[in-house]
Amino acid sequence: MKSTSRTIIGAGVIALGALVAITPRYIFPVCEYFGVRMDMGMGKSEHMHCYYTGKASLLIGILIAVVGLAIIIANKPETLRPLALVLAAGGAGVIFIPTWLFPVCQNADMHCNQGAKPMLIVLGILCMITAVWLGISSSAAPEPMQGTTNKAD
């Protein structure tokens, strides 16, 4: 894979990681950022489930952005394939965060169900598609080494 292609793919993965990280806070804020908290009675309140979705998305988004940076730096197919696997796992994690790991609120009218959850699922799918494409393109015909020639005997 050429360095220009790696740079473009890496920049795209960094952008995906940044979007995953900032979606629950700035693009489609979860309930906590609107001041909504669970009332536990007797004057106590707790974080809502979507708050933890936002925090986990921040961490996974940073991981995906670091993978994008590693894609730009890497130059061997043997390095790109494991990065594609890590990217696919990160994309699966982005999908599982709002649906299974830290499910968002049960109320379908809440902000987290209407914006953050669908956006995170779409971003996770895009990460997985990018990972598959990266894995396939890094498995393509290897580039010839410089300074070698093919001589027919």
C-alpha atoms as a PDB file:
ATOM      1  CA  MET A   1       0.000   0.000   0.000  1.00  0.00           C
ATOM      2  CA  LYS A   2       1.360   3.389  -0.958  1.00  0.00           C
ATOM      3  CA  SER A   3       2.147   5.995   1.653  1.00  0.00           C
ATOM      4  CA  THR A   4      -0.425   8.385   0.175  1.00  0.00           C
ATOM      5  CA  SER A   5      -3.164   5.780   0.602  1.00  0.00           C
ATOM      6  CA  ARG A   6      -2.028   5.028   4.147  1.00  0.00           C
ATOM      7  CA  THR A   7      -2.059   8.723   4.995  1.00  0.00           C
ATOM      8  CA  ILE A   8      -5.580   9.181   3.632  1.00  0.00           C
ATOM      9  CA  ILE A   9      -6.900   6.067   5.394  1.00  0.00           C
ATOM     10  CA  GLY A  10      -5.126   7.022   8.624  1.00  0.00           C
ATOM     11  CA  ALA A  11      -6.539  10.547   8.518  1.00  0.00           C
ATOM     12  CA  GLY A  12     -10.008   9.119   7.942  1.00  0.00           C
ATOM     13  CA  VAL A  13      -9.633   6.762  10.893  1.00  0.00           C
ATOM     14  CA  ILE A  14      -8.410   9.632  13.077  1.00  0.00           C
ATOM     15  CA  ALA A  15     -11.504  11.605  12.037  1.00  0.00           C
ATOM     16  CA  LEU A  16     -13.734   8.617  12.883  1.00  0.00           C
ATOM     17  CA  GLY A  17     -12.060   8.318  16.288  1.00  0.00           C
ATOM     18  CA  ALA A  18     -12.556  12.020  16.941  1.00  0.00           C
ATOM     19  CA  LEU A  19     -16.229  11.771  15.974  1.00  0.00           C
ATOM     20  CA  VAL A  20     -16.728   8.778  18.285  1.00  0.00           C
ATOM     21  CA  ALA A  21     -15.051  10.677  21.114  1.00  0.00           C
ATOM     22  CA  ILE A  22     -17.015  13.931  20.760  1.00  0.00           C
ATOM     23  CA  THR A  23     -20.445  12.676  19.649  1.00  0.00           C
ATOM     24  CA  PRO A  24     -21.909  12.003  23.127  1.00  0.00           C
ATOM     25  CA  ARG A  25     -20.717  15.376  24.414  1.00  0.00           C
ATOM     26  CA  TYR A  26     -20.864  17.915  21.597  1.00  0.00           C
ATOM     27  CA  ILE A  27     -22.626  16.592  18.489  1.00  0.00           C
ATOM     28  CA  PHE A  28     -25.543  14.705  20.100  1.00  0.00           C
ATOM     29  CA  PRO A  29     -25.137  15.339  23.832  1.00  0.00           C
ATOM     30  CA  VAL A  30     -26.390  12.651  26.189  1.00  0.00           C
ATOM     31  CA  CYS A  31     -28.894  13.503  28.901  1.00  0.00           C
ATOM     32  CA  GLU A  32     -26.311  14.327  31.569  1.00  0.00           C
ATOM     33  CA  TYR A  33     -25.055  17.310  29.597  1.00  0.00           C
ATOM     34  CA  PHE A  34     -28.590  18.718  29.483  1.00  0.00           C
ATOM     35  CA  GLY A  35     -28.661  18.635  33.300  1.00  0.00           C
ATOM     36  CA  VAL A  36     -30.822  15.510  33.536  1.00  0.00           C
ATOM     37  CA  ARG A  37     -29.825  13.170  36.378  1.00  0.00           C
ATOM     38  CA  MET A  38     -31.547  10.227  38.071  1.00  0.00           C
ATOM     39  CA  ASP A  39     -33.334  11.288  41.242  1.00  0.00           C
ATOM     40  CA  MET A  40     -32.602   8.738  43.966  1.00  0.00           C
ATOM     41  CA  GLY A  41     -34.825  10.376  46.576  1.00  0.00           C
ATOM     42  CA  MET A  42     -33.854  12.224  49.760  1.00  0.00           C
ATOM     43  CA  GLY A  43     -32.048  14.876  47.736  1.00  0.00           C
ATOM     44  CA  LYS A  44     -29.584  12.486  46.108  1.00  0.00           C
ATOM     45  CA  SER A  45     -29.026  12.037  42.404  1.00  0.00           C
ATOM     46  CA  GLU A  46     -26.914   9.667  40.333  1.00  0.00           C
ATOM     47  CA  HIS A  47     -25.462   9.649  36.849  1.00  0.00           C
ATOM     48  CA  MET A  48     -27.735   8.283  34.172  1.00  0.00           C
ATOM     49  CA  HIS A  49     -26.707   5.270  32.097  1.00  0.00           C
ATOM     50  CA  CYS A  50     -25.935   7.403  29.061  1.00  0.00           C
ATOM     51  CA  TYR A  51     -23.312   9.314  31.057  1.00  0.00           C
ATOM     52  CA  TYR A  52     -21.210   6.154  31.157  1.00  0.00           C
ATOM     53  CA  THR A  53     -21.887   5.630  27.456  1.00  0.00           C
ATOM     54  CA  GLY A  54     -20.341   9.041  26.818  1.00  0.00           C
ATOM     55  CA  LYS A  55     -17.269   8.329  28.931  1.00  0.00           C
ATOM     56  CA  ALA A  56     -16.664   4.916  27.328  1.00  0.00           C
ATOM     57  CA  SER A  57     -17.113   6.435  23.860  1.00  0.00           C
ATOM     58  CA  LEU A  58     -14.453   8.999  24.675  1.00  0.00           C
ATOM     59  CA  LEU A  59     -11.948   6.275  25.548  1.00  0.00           C
ATOM     60  CA  ILE A  60     -12.739   4.097  22.516  1.00  0.00           C
ATOM     61  CA  GLY A  61     -12.624   7.156  20.248  1.00  0.00           C
ATOM     62  CA  ILE A  62      -9.134   7.969  21.506  1.00  0.00           C
ATOM     63  CA  LEU A  63      -8.086   4.350  20.850  1.00  0.00           C
ATOM     64  CA  ILE A  64      -9.437   4.526  17.288  1.00  0.00           C
ATOM     65  CA  ALA A  65      -7.609   7.818  16.675  1.00  0.00           C
ATOM     66  CA  VAL A  66      -4.348   6.256  17.912  1.00  0.00           C
ATOM     67  CA  VAL A  67      -4.896   3.343  15.496  1.00  0.00           C
ATOM     68  CA  GLY A  68      -5.306   5.916  12.702  1.00  0.00           C
ATOM     69  CA  LEU A  69      -2.007   7.506  13.665  1.00  0.00           C
ATOM     70  CA  ALA A  70      -0.356   4.065  13.671  1.00  0.00           C
ATOM     71  CA  ILE A  71      -1.751   3.401  10.183  1.00  0.00           C
ATOM     72  CA  ILE A  72      -0.048   6.553   8.928  1.00  0.00           C
ATOM     73  CA  ILE A  73       3.252   5.536  10.527  1.00  0.00           C
ATOM     74  CA  ALA A  74       3.149   1.824   9.564  1.00  0.00           C
ATOM     75  CA  ASN A  75       4.682   0.800   6.273  1.00  0.00           C
ATOM     76  CA  LYS A  76       4.500  -3.002   6.153  1.00  0.00           C
ATOM     77  CA  PRO A  77       1.429  -5.164   5.428  1.00  0.00           C
ATOM     78  CA  GLU A  78       2.377  -7.267   8.448  1.00  0.00           C
ATOM     79  CA  THR A  79       1.757  -4.188  10.573  1.00  0.00           C
ATOM     80  CA  LEU A  80      -1.396  -2.992   8.829  1.00  0.00           C
ATOM     81  CA  ARG A  81      -3.327  -6.250   9.237  1.00  0.00           C
ATOM     82  CA  PRO A  82      -3.211  -6.266  13.065  1.00  0.00           C
ATOM     83  CA  LEU A  83      -4.139  -2.581  13.050  1.00  0.00           C
ATOM     84  CA  ALA A  84      -7.154  -3.468  10.907  1.00  0.00           C
ATOM     85  CA  LEU A  85      -8.149  -6.061  13.522  1.00  0.00           C
ATOM     86  CA  VAL A  86      -7.810  -3.537  16.346  1.00  0.00           C
ATOM     87  CA  LEU A  87      -9.859  -1.035  14.339  1.00  0.00           C
ATOM     88  CA  ALA A  88     -12.577  -3.650  13.752  1.00  0.00           C
ATOM     89  CA  ALA A  89     -12.630  -4.465  17.474  1.00  0.00           C
ATOM     90  CA  GLY A  90     -12.876  -0.747  18.260  1.00  0.00           C
ATOM     91  CA  GLY A  91     -15.779  -0.403  15.820  1.00  0.00           C
ATOM     92  CA  ALA A  92     -17.535  -3.360  17.451  1.00  0.00           C
ATOM     93  CA  GLY A  93     -16.925  -1.740  20.831  1.00  0.00           C
ATOM     94  CA  VAL A  94     -18.483   1.502  19.630  1.00  0.00           C
ATOM     95  CA  ILE A  95     -21.595  -0.452  18.608  1.00  0.00           C
ATOM     96  CA  PHE A  96     -21.765  -2.459  21.842  1.00  0.00           C
ATOM     97  CA  ILE A  97     -21.323   0.535  24.164  1.00  0.00           C
ATOM     98  CA  PRO A  98     -24.794   2.121  23.765  1.00  0.00           C
ATOM     99  CA  THR A  99     -26.592  -1.146  23.026  1.00  0.00           C
ATOM    100  CA  TRP A 100     -25.156  -3.660  25.468  1.00  0.00           C
ATOM    101  CA  LEU A 101     -22.259  -2.525  27.681  1.00  0.00           C
ATOM    102  CA  PHE A 102     -23.730   0.748  28.990  1.00  0.00           C
ATOM    103  CA  PRO A 103     -27.236   0.799  27.511  1.00  0.00           C
ATOM    104  CA  VAL A 104     -28.773   4.206  27.200  1.00  0.00           C
ATOM    105  CA  CYS A 105     -32.042   5.214  28.827  1.00  0.00           C
ATOM    106  CA  GLN A 106     -35.213   3.180  28.337  1.00  0.00           C
ATOM    107  CA  ASN A 107     -37.210   6.289  27.435  1.00  0.00           C
ATOM    108  CA  ALA A 108     -37.304   6.615  23.639  1.00  0.00           C
ATOM    109  CA  ASP A 109     -37.880  10.386  23.909  1.00  0.00           C
ATOM    110  CA  MET A 110     -34.554  11.068  25.660  1.00  0.00           C
ATOM    111  CA  HIS A 111     -31.730  12.805  23.792  1.00  0.00           C
ATOM    112  CA  CYS A 112     -29.396   9.830  24.033  1.00  0.00           C
ATOM    113  CA  ASN A 113     -31.859   7.518  22.252  1.00  0.00           C
ATOM    114  CA  GLN A 114     -32.676  10.010  19.523  1.00  0.00           C
ATOM    115  CA  GLY A 115     -29.167  11.151  18.611  1.00  0.00           C
ATOM    116  CA  ALA A 116     -26.150   9.693  20.370  1.00  0.00           C
ATOM    117  CA  LYS A 117     -27.067   6.006  20.160  1.00  0.00           C
ATOM    118  CA  PRO A 118     -27.820   5.922  16.399  1.00  0.00           C
ATOM    119  CA  MET A 119     -24.788   8.085  15.602  1.00  0.00           C
ATOM    120  CA  LEU A 120     -22.445   5.847  17.604  1.00  0.00           C
ATOM    121  CA  ILE A 121     -23.824   2.759  15.880  1.00  0.00           C
ATOM    122  CA  VAL A 122     -23.265   4.324  12.437  1.00  0.00           C
ATOM    123  CA  LEU A 123     -19.723   5.375  13.385  1.00  0.00           C
ATOM    124  CA  GLY A 124     -18.988   1.857  14.641  1.00  0.00           C
ATOM    125  CA  ILE A 125     -20.200   0.374  11.374  1.00  0.00           C
ATOM    126  CA  LEU A 126     -18.005   2.833   9.432  1.00  0.00           C
ATOM    127  CA  CYS A 127     -14.998   1.808  11.550  1.00  0.00           C
ATOM    128  CA  MET A 128     -15.657  -1.858  10.814  1.00  0.00           C
ATOM    129  CA  ILE A 129     -16.076  -1.231   7.068  1.00  0.00           C
ATOM    130  CA  THR A 130     -12.821   0.751   7.048  1.00  0.00           C
ATOM    131  CA  ALA A 131     -11.082  -2.070   8.919  1.00  0.00           C
ATOM    132  CA  VAL A 132     -12.260  -4.658   6.396  1.00  0.00           C
ATOM    133  CA  TRP A 133     -11.129  -2.462   3.506  1.00  0.00           C
ATOM    134  CA  LEU A 134      -7.757  -1.868   5.177  1.00  0.00           C
ATOM    135  CA  GLY A 135      -7.285  -5.590   5.766  1.00  0.00           C
ATOM    136  CA  ILE A 136      -8.137  -6.454   2.180  1.00  0.00           C
ATOM    137  CA  SER A 137      -6.011  -3.703   0.654  1.00  0.00           C
ATOM    138  CA  SER A 138      -3.008  -4.580   2.816  1.00  0.00           C
ATOM    139  CA  SER A 139      -3.307  -8.203   1.693  1.00  0.00           C
ATOM    140  CA  ALA A 140      -3.111  -7.197  -1.979  1.00  0.00           C
ATOM    141  CA  ALA A 141      -0.023  -7.827  -4.056  1.00  0.00           C
ATOM    142  CA  PRO A 142       3.045  -6.689  -2.145  1.00  0.00           C
ATOM    143  CA  GLU A 143       4.990  -3.758  -3.465  1.00  0.00           C
ATOM    144  CA  PRO A 144       8.318  -4.689  -5.051  1.00  0.00           C
ATOM    145  CA  MET A 145      11.375  -3.861  -2.983  1.00  0.00           C
ATOM    146  CA  GLN A 146      13.483  -1.049  -4.293  1.00  0.00           C
ATOM    147  CA  GLY A 147      16.808  -1.995  -5.783  1.00  0.00           C
ATOM    148  CA  THR A 148      15.757  -5.497  -6.831  1.00  0.00           C
ATOM    149  CA  THR A 149      15.205  -6.646 -10.368  1.00  0.00           C
ATOM    150  CA  ASN A 150      13.588  -9.709 -11.784  1.00  0.00           C
ATOM    151  CA  LYS A 151      15.986 -11.489 -14.116  1.00  0.00           C
ATOM    152  CA  ALA A 152      14.874 -14.339 -16.261  1.00  0.00           C
ATOM    153  CA  ASP A 153      17.486 -17.070 -16.684  1.00  0.00           C
END
